[in-house]
PDB file of all heavy atoms in Angstrom:
ATOM      1  N   GLN A   1     -12.860  16.835  -3.221  1.00  0.00           N
ATOM      2  CA  GLN A   1     -11.719  16.375  -2.450  1.00  0.00           C
ATOM      3  C   GLN A   1     -11.203  15.076  -3.053  1.00  0.00           C
ATOM      4  O   GLN A   1     -11.977  14.212  -3.437  1.00  0.00           O
ATOM      5  CB  GLN A   1     -12.109  16.144  -0.997  1.00  0.00           C
ATOM      6  CG  GLN A   1     -10.952  15.761  -0.102  1.00  0.00           C
ATOM      7  CD  GLN A   1     -11.352  15.652   1.351  1.00  0.00           C
ATOM      8  OE1 GLN A   1     -12.470  15.979   1.697  1.00  0.00           O
ATOM      9  NE2 GLN A   1     -10.446  15.209   2.178  1.00  0.00           N
ATOM     10  N   VAL A   2      -9.890  14.968  -3.100  1.00  0.00           N
ATOM     11  CA  VAL A   2      -9.269  13.778  -3.666  1.00  0.00           C
ATOM     12  C   VAL A   2      -9.409  12.618  -2.694  1.00  0.00           C
ATOM     13  O   VAL A   2      -9.196  12.776  -1.492  1.00  0.00           O
ATOM     14  CB  VAL A   2      -7.781  14.034  -3.947  1.00  0.00           C
ATOM     15  CG1 VAL A   2      -7.095  12.753  -4.408  1.00  0.00           C
ATOM     16  CG2 VAL A   2      -7.616  15.141  -4.978  1.00  0.00           C
ATOM     17  N   GLN A   3      -9.760  11.461  -3.205  1.00  0.00           N
ATOM     18  CA  GLN A   3      -9.803  10.247  -2.389  1.00  0.00           C
ATOM     19  C   GLN A   3      -8.701   9.301  -2.839  1.00  0.00           C
ATOM     20  O   GLN A   3      -8.496   9.113  -4.049  1.00  0.00           O
ATOM     21  CB  GLN A   3     -11.162   9.571  -2.513  1.00  0.00           C
ATOM     22  CG  GLN A   3     -12.294  10.355  -1.871  1.00  0.00           C
ATOM     23  CD  GLN A   3     -13.585   9.577  -1.846  1.00  0.00           C
ATOM     24  OE1 GLN A   3     -13.806   8.698  -2.661  1.00  0.00           O
ATOM     25  NE2 GLN A   3     -14.445   9.895  -0.891  1.00  0.00           N
ATOM     26  N   LEU A   4      -8.024   8.728  -1.859  1.00  0.00           N
ATOM     27  CA  LEU A   4      -6.957   7.772  -2.119  1.00  0.00           C
ATOM     28  C   LEU A   4      -7.304   6.479  -1.395  1.00  0.00           C
ATOM     29  O   LEU A   4      -7.523   6.492  -0.182  1.00  0.00           O
ATOM     30  CB  LEU A   4      -5.616   8.309  -1.608  1.00  0.00           C
ATOM     31  CG  LEU A   4      -5.157   9.651  -2.171  1.00  0.00           C
ATOM     32  CD1 LEU A   4      -3.904  10.124  -1.438  1.00  0.00           C
ATOM     33  CD2 LEU A   4      -4.898   9.557  -3.662  1.00  0.00           C
ATOM     34  N   ILE A   5      -7.356   5.394  -2.122  1.00  0.00           N
ATOM     35  CA  ILE A   5      -7.689   4.090  -1.558  1.00  0.00           C
ATOM     36  C   ILE A   5      -6.463   3.195  -1.667  1.00  0.00           C
ATOM     37  O   ILE A   5      -5.979   2.940  -2.777  1.00  0.00           O
ATOM     38  CB  ILE A   5      -8.870   3.441  -2.265  1.00  0.00           C
ATOM     39  CG1 ILE A   5     -10.077   4.384  -2.258  1.00  0.00           C
ATOM     40  CG2 ILE A   5      -9.218   2.109  -1.595  1.00  0.00           C
ATOM     41  CD1 ILE A   5     -10.592   4.732  -0.881  1.00  0.00           C
ATOM     42  N   GLU A   6      -5.975   2.746  -0.515  1.00  0.00           N
ATOM     43  CA  GLU A   6      -4.812   1.869  -0.492  1.00  0.00           C
ATOM     44  C   GLU A   6      -5.245   0.419  -0.302  1.00  0.00           C
ATOM     45  O   GLU A   6      -6.258   0.138   0.346  1.00  0.00           O
ATOM     46  CB  GLU A   6      -3.867   2.261   0.642  1.00  0.00           C
ATOM     47  CG  GLU A   6      -3.278   3.649   0.486  1.00  0.00           C
ATOM     48  CD  GLU A   6      -3.213   4.381   1.795  1.00  0.00           C
ATOM     49  OE1 GLU A   6      -3.921   3.985   2.731  1.00  0.00           O
ATOM     50  OE2 GLU A   6      -2.475   5.371   1.884  1.00  0.00           O
ATOM     51  N   SER A   7      -4.443  -0.474  -0.833  1.00  0.00           N
ATOM     52  CA  SER A   7      -4.696  -1.905  -0.661  1.00  0.00           C
ATOM     53  C   SER A   7      -3.385  -2.650  -0.791  1.00  0.00           C
ATOM     54  O   SER A   7      -2.373  -2.086  -1.233  1.00  0.00           O
ATOM     55  CB  SER A   7      -5.700  -2.406  -1.706  1.00  0.00           C
ATOM     56  OG  SER A   7      -5.188  -2.212  -3.012  1.00  0.00           O
ATOM     57  N   GLY A   8      -3.411  -3.933  -0.412  1.00  0.00           N
ATOM     58  CA  GLY A   8      -2.247  -4.792  -0.628  1.00  0.00           C
ATOM     59  C   GLY A   8      -1.421  -5.102   0.590  1.00  0.00           C
ATOM     60  O   GLY A   8      -0.471  -5.880   0.505  1.00  0.00           O
ATOM     61  N   GLY A   9      -1.752  -4.527   1.729  1.00  0.00           N
ATOM     62  CA  GLY A   9      -0.988  -4.831   2.927  1.00  0.00           C
ATOM     63  C   GLY A   9      -1.277  -6.237   3.440  1.00  0.00           C
ATOM     64  O   GLY A   9      -2.164  -6.922   2.938  1.00  0.00           O
ATOM     65  N   GLY A  10      -0.488  -6.643   4.435  1.00  0.00           N
ATOM     66  CA  GLY A  10      -0.717  -7.960   5.013  1.00  0.00           C
ATOM     67  C   GLY A  10       0.489  -8.439   5.784  1.00  0.00           C
ATOM     68  O   GLY A  10       1.398  -7.677   6.088  1.00  0.00           O
ATOM     69  N   LEU A  11       0.463  -9.738   6.078  1.00  0.00           N
ATOM     70  CA  LEU A  11       1.537 -10.384   6.815  1.00  0.00           C
ATOM     71  C   LEU A  11       2.413 -11.157   5.831  1.00  0.00           C
ATOM     72  O   LEU A  11       1.896 -11.914   5.004  1.00  0.00           O
ATOM     73  CB  LEU A  11       0.952 -11.338   7.861  1.00  0.00           C
ATOM     74  CG  LEU A  11       1.929 -12.236   8.613  1.00  0.00           C
ATOM     75  CD1 LEU A  11       2.871 -11.399   9.474  1.00  0.00           C
ATOM     76  CD2 LEU A  11       1.159 -13.241   9.470  1.00  0.00           C
ATOM     77  N   VAL A  12       3.710 -10.979   5.936  1.00  0.00           N
ATOM     78  CA  VAL A  12       4.642 -11.657   5.050  1.00  0.00           C
ATOM     79  C   VAL A  12       5.880 -12.048   5.838  1.00  0.00           C
ATOM     80  O   VAL A  12       6.246 -11.371   6.814  1.00  0.00           O
ATOM     81  CB  VAL A  12       5.011 -10.750   3.853  1.00  0.00           C
ATOM     82  CG1 VAL A  12       5.743  -9.510   4.303  1.00  0.00           C
ATOM     83  CG2 VAL A  12       5.804 -11.508   2.796  1.00  0.00           C
ATOM     84  N   GLN A  13       6.519 -13.128   5.433  1.00  0.00           N
ATOM     85  CA  GLN A  13       7.737 -13.571   6.102  1.00  0.00           C
ATOM     86  C   GLN A  13       8.937 -12.738   5.646  1.00  0.00           C
ATOM     87  O   GLN A  13       8.933 -12.199   4.534  1.00  0.00           O
ATOM     88  CB  GLN A  13       7.989 -15.046   5.810  1.00  0.00           C
ATOM     89  CG  GLN A  13       6.965 -15.975   6.426  1.00  0.00           C
ATOM     90  CD  GLN A  13       7.335 -17.437   6.240  1.00  0.00           C
ATOM     91  OE1 GLN A  13       8.159 -17.787   5.400  1.00  0.00           O
ATOM     92  NE2 GLN A  13       6.721 -18.307   7.033  1.00  0.00           N
ATOM     93  N   PRO A  14       9.953 -12.647   6.473  1.00  0.00           N
ATOM     94  CA  PRO A  14      11.174 -11.947   6.050  1.00  0.00           C
ATOM     95  C   PRO A  14      11.697 -12.527   4.737  1.00  0.00           C
ATOM     96  O   PRO A  14      11.696 -13.750   4.541  1.00  0.00           O
ATOM     97  CB  PRO A  14      12.140 -12.207   7.201  1.00  0.00           C
ATOM     98  CG  PRO A  14      11.248 -12.385   8.387  1.00  0.00           C
ATOM     99  CD  PRO A  14      10.035 -13.099   7.867  1.00  0.00           C
ATOM    100  N   GLY A  15      12.110 -11.627   3.851  1.00  0.00           N
ATOM    101  CA  GLY A  15      12.574 -12.033   2.531  1.00  0.00           C
ATOM    102  C   GLY A  15      11.477 -12.087   1.491  1.00  0.00           C
ATOM    103  O   GLY A  15      11.756 -12.226   0.289  1.00  0.00           O
ATOM    104  N   GLY A  16      10.242 -11.956   1.917  1.00  0.00           N
ATOM    105  CA  GLY A  16       9.111 -12.019   0.996  1.00  0.00           C
ATOM    106  C   GLY A  16       8.834 -10.688   0.317  1.00  0.00           C
ATOM    107  O   GLY A  16       9.570  -9.713   0.490  1.00  0.00           O
ATOM    108  N   SER A  17       7.758 -10.689  -0.462  1.00  0.00           N
ATOM    109  CA  SER A  17       7.387  -9.500  -1.246  1.00  0.00           C
ATOM    110  C   SER A  17       5.917  -9.154  -1.032  1.00  0.00           C
ATOM    111  O   SER A  17       5.092 -10.033  -0.765  1.00  0.00           O
ATOM    112  CB  SER A  17       7.620  -9.754  -2.740  1.00  0.00           C
ATOM    113  OG  SER A  17       8.977  -9.996  -3.015  1.00  0.00           O
ATOM    114  N   LEU A  18       5.624  -7.886  -1.185  1.00  0.00           N
ATOM    115  CA  LEU A  18       4.253  -7.378  -1.187  1.00  0.00           C
ATOM    116  C   LEU A  18       4.185  -6.228  -2.173  1.00  0.00           C
ATOM    117  O   LEU A  18       5.180  -5.546  -2.404  1.00  0.00           O
ATOM    118  CB  LEU A  18       3.833  -6.862   0.192  1.00  0.00           C
ATOM    119  CG  LEU A  18       3.355  -7.846   1.256  1.00  0.00           C
ATOM    120  CD1 LEU A  18       3.060  -7.106   2.548  1.00  0.00           C
ATOM    121  CD2 LEU A  18       2.122  -8.618   0.780  1.00  0.00           C
ATOM    122  N   ARG A  19       3.001  -6.028  -2.712  1.00  0.00           N
ATOM    123  CA  ARG A  19       2.781  -4.879  -3.593  1.00  0.00           C
ATOM    124  C   ARG A  19       1.609  -4.085  -3.049  1.00  0.00           C
ATOM    125  O   ARG A  19       0.482  -4.601  -2.967  1.00  0.00           O
ATOM    126  CB  ARG A  19       2.504  -5.331  -5.018  1.00  0.00           C
ATOM    127  CG  ARG A  19       2.400  -4.186  -6.028  1.00  0.00           C
ATOM    128  CD  ARG A  19       2.226  -4.726  -7.413  1.00  0.00           C
ATOM    129  NE  ARG A  19       2.081  -3.718  -8.438  1.00  0.00           N
ATOM    130  CZ  ARG A  19       2.942  -3.585  -9.459  1.00  0.00           C
ATOM    131  NH1 ARG A  19       3.979  -4.399  -9.558  1.00  0.00           N
ATOM    132  NH2 ARG A  19       2.759  -2.637 -10.367  1.00  0.00           N
ATOM    133  N   LEU A  20       1.874  -2.852  -2.684  1.00  0.00           N
ATOM    134  CA  LEU A  20       0.827  -1.951  -2.232  1.00  0.00           C
ATOM    135  C   LEU A  20       0.320  -1.140  -3.417  1.00  0.00           C
ATOM    136  O   LEU A  20       1.092  -0.794  -4.306  1.00  0.00           O
ATOM    137  CB  LEU A  20       1.356  -1.004  -1.161  1.00  0.00           C
ATOM    138  CG  LEU A  20       2.042  -1.639   0.051  1.00  0.00           C
ATOM    139  CD1 LEU A  20       2.461  -0.562   1.031  1.00  0.00           C
ATOM    140  CD2 LEU A  20       1.155  -2.666   0.700  1.00  0.00           C
ATOM    141  N   SER A  21      -0.969  -0.841  -3.378  1.00  0.00           N
ATOM    142  CA  SER A  21      -1.552  -0.056  -4.454  1.00  0.00           C
ATOM    143  C   SER A  21      -2.319   1.132  -3.871  1.00  0.00           C
ATOM    144  O   SER A  21      -2.999   0.992  -2.859  1.00  0.00           O
ATOM    145  CB  SER A  21      -2.488  -0.922  -5.293  1.00  0.00           C
ATOM    146  OG  SER A  21      -2.963  -0.196  -6.418  1.00  0.00           O
ATOM    147  N   CYS A  22      -2.189   2.263  -4.524  1.00  0.00           N
ATOM    148  CA  CYS A  22      -2.917   3.475  -4.148  1.00  0.00           C
ATOM    149  C   CYS A  22      -3.691   3.932  -5.377  1.00  0.00           C
ATOM    150  O   CYS A  22      -3.093   4.275  -6.399  1.00  0.00           O
ATOM    151  CB  CYS A  22      -1.939   4.559  -3.706  1.00  0.00           C
ATOM    152  SG  CYS A  22      -2.697   6.152  -3.353  1.00  0.00           S
ATOM    153  N   THR A  23      -5.017   3.914  -5.256  1.00  0.00           N
ATOM    154  CA  THR A  23      -5.876   4.331  -6.365  1.00  0.00           C
ATOM    155  C   THR A  23      -6.468   5.688  -6.066  1.00  0.00           C
ATOM    156  O   THR A  23      -7.094   5.882  -5.012  1.00  0.00           O
ATOM    157  CB  THR A  23      -7.001   3.305  -6.593  1.00  0.00           C
ATOM    158  OG1 THR A  23      -6.416   2.021  -6.843  1.00  0.00           O
ATOM    159  CG2 THR A  23      -7.845   3.705  -7.793  1.00  0.00           C
ATOM    160  N   ALA A  24      -6.256   6.620  -6.988  1.00  0.00           N
ATOM    161  CA  ALA A  24      -6.761   7.990  -6.815  1.00  0.00           C
ATOM    162  C   ALA A  24      -8.098   8.167  -7.519  1.00  0.00           C
ATOM    163  O   ALA A  24      -8.372   7.518  -8.533  1.00  0.00           O
ATOM    164  CB  ALA A  24      -5.747   8.977  -7.364  1.00  0.00           C
ATOM    165  N   SER A  25      -8.917   9.064  -6.976  1.00  0.00           N
ATOM    166  CA  SER A  25     -10.248   9.306  -7.546  1.00  0.00           C
ATOM    167  C   SER A  25     -10.197  10.257  -8.746  1.00  0.00           C
ATOM    168  O   SER A  25     -11.209  10.461  -9.404  1.00  0.00           O
ATOM    169  CB  SER A  25     -11.179   9.872  -6.477  1.00  0.00           C
ATOM    170  OG  SER A  25     -10.654  11.085  -5.952  1.00  0.00           O
ATOM    171  N   VAL A  26      -9.001  10.839  -8.997  1.00  0.00           N
ATOM    172  CA  VAL A  26      -8.837  11.741 -10.126  1.00  0.00           C
ATOM    173  C   VAL A  26      -7.568  11.367 -10.875  1.00  0.00           C
ATOM    174  O   VAL A  26      -6.777  10.539 -10.406  1.00  0.00           O
ATOM    175  CB  VAL A  26      -8.767  13.213  -9.665  1.00  0.00           C
ATOM    176  CG1 VAL A  26     -10.061  13.618  -8.981  1.00  0.00           C
ATOM    177  CG2 VAL A  26      -7.575  13.442  -8.756  1.00  0.00           C
ATOM    178  N   SER A  27      -7.376  11.995 -12.009  1.00  0.00           N
ATOM    179  CA  SER A  27      -6.194  11.719 -12.810  1.00  0.00           C
ATOM    180  C   SER A  27      -4.911  12.026 -12.042  1.00  0.00           C
ATOM    181  O   SER A  27      -4.827  13.018 -11.307  1.00  0.00           O
ATOM    182  CB  SER A  27      -6.225  12.567 -14.084  1.00  0.00           C
ATOM    183  OG  SER A  27      -4.984  12.515 -14.754  1.00  0.00           O
ATOM    184  N   LEU A  28      -3.905  11.167 -12.229  1.00  0.00           N
ATOM    185  CA  LEU A  28      -2.624  11.385 -11.573  1.00  0.00           C
ATOM    186  C   LEU A  28      -1.958  12.672 -12.043  1.00  0.00           C
ATOM    187  O   LEU A  28      -1.107  13.230 -11.349  1.00  0.00           O
ATOM    188  CB  LEU A  28      -1.679  10.206 -11.824  1.00  0.00           C
ATOM    189  CG  LEU A  28      -2.158   8.839 -11.329  1.00  0.00           C
ATOM    190  CD1 LEU A  28      -1.039   7.812 -11.491  1.00  0.00           C
ATOM    191  CD2 LEU A  28      -2.659   8.886  -9.913  1.00  0.00           C
ATOM    192  N   PHE A  29      -2.352  13.158 -13.209  1.00  0.00           N
ATOM    193  CA  PHE A  29      -1.774  14.391 -13.719  1.00  0.00           C
ATOM    194  C   PHE A  29      -2.236  15.615 -12.927  1.00  0.00           C
ATOM    195  O   PHE A  29      -1.730  16.713 -13.132  1.00  0.00           O
ATOM    196  CB  PHE A  29      -2.109  14.556 -15.207  1.00  0.00           C
ATOM    197  CG  PHE A  29      -1.441  13.539 -16.073  1.00  0.00           C
ATOM    198  CD1 PHE A  29      -2.165  12.514 -16.654  1.00  0.00           C
ATOM    199  CD2 PHE A  29      -0.071  13.584 -16.302  1.00  0.00           C
ATOM    200  CE1 PHE A  29      -1.548  11.563 -17.457  1.00  0.00           C
ATOM    201  CE2 PHE A  29       0.561  12.646 -17.101  1.00  0.00           C
ATOM    202  CZ  PHE A  29      -0.190  11.631 -17.674  1.00  0.00           C
ATOM    203  N   SER A  30      -3.177  15.399 -12.001  1.00  0.00           N
ATOM    204  CA  SER A  30      -3.640  16.481 -11.127  1.00  0.00           C
ATOM    205  C   SER A  30      -2.626  16.804 -10.035  1.00  0.00           C
ATOM    206  O   SER A  30      -2.742  17.838  -9.378  1.00  0.00           O
ATOM    207  CB  SER A  30      -4.966  16.081 -10.469  1.00  0.00           C
ATOM    208  OG  SER A  30      -5.945  15.773 -11.427  1.00  0.00           O
ATOM    209  N   PHE A  31      -1.653  15.911  -9.847  1.00  0.00           N
ATOM    210  CA  PHE A  31      -0.765  16.021  -8.698  1.00  0.00           C
ATOM    211  C   PHE A  31       0.633  16.463  -9.104  1.00  0.00           C
ATOM    212  O   PHE A  31       1.138  16.088 -10.148  1.00  0.00           O
ATOM    213  CB  PHE A  31      -0.670  14.677  -7.987  1.00  0.00           C
ATOM    214  CG  PHE A  31      -2.000  14.047  -7.697  1.00  0.00           C
ATOM    215  CD1 PHE A  31      -2.235  12.728  -8.032  1.00  0.00           C
ATOM    216  CD2 PHE A  31      -3.022  14.770  -7.101  1.00  0.00           C
ATOM    217  CE1 PHE A  31      -3.456  12.130  -7.782  1.00  0.00           C
ATOM    218  CE2 PHE A  31      -4.250  14.190  -6.847  1.00  0.00           C
ATOM    219  CZ  PHE A  31      -4.467  12.875  -7.199  1.00  0.00           C
ATOM    220  N   ASN A  32       1.246  17.242  -8.228  1.00  0.00           N
ATOM    221  CA  ASN A  32       2.637  17.635  -8.442  1.00  0.00           C
ATOM    222  C   ASN A  32       3.593  16.503  -8.094  1.00  0.00           C
ATOM    223  O   ASN A  32       4.692  16.425  -8.638  1.00  0.00           O
ATOM    224  CB  ASN A  32       2.984  18.863  -7.603  1.00  0.00           C
ATOM    225  CG  ASN A  32       2.200  20.080  -8.033  1.00  0.00           C
ATOM    226  OD1 ASN A  32       1.815  20.210  -9.191  1.00  0.00           O
ATOM    227  ND2 ASN A  32       1.941  20.990  -7.106  1.00  0.00           N
ATOM    228  N   ALA A  33       3.163  15.668  -7.177  1.00  0.00           N
ATOM    229  CA  ALA A  33       3.989  14.533  -6.770  1.00  0.00           C
ATOM    230  C   ALA A  33       3.115  13.513  -6.053  1.00  0.00           C
ATOM    231  O   ALA A  33       2.048  13.849  -5.535  1.00  0.00           O
ATOM    232  CB  ALA A  33       5.120  14.973  -5.837  1.00  0.00           C
TER     233      ALA A  33
END
């Protein structure tokens, strides 16, 4: 089974930036989208 681990969330002020990351347990080429 594929595992997806997300990170990068949090509290930010309006106008700010965040970067979320999703790490897959298998190659991204395994996915159609």
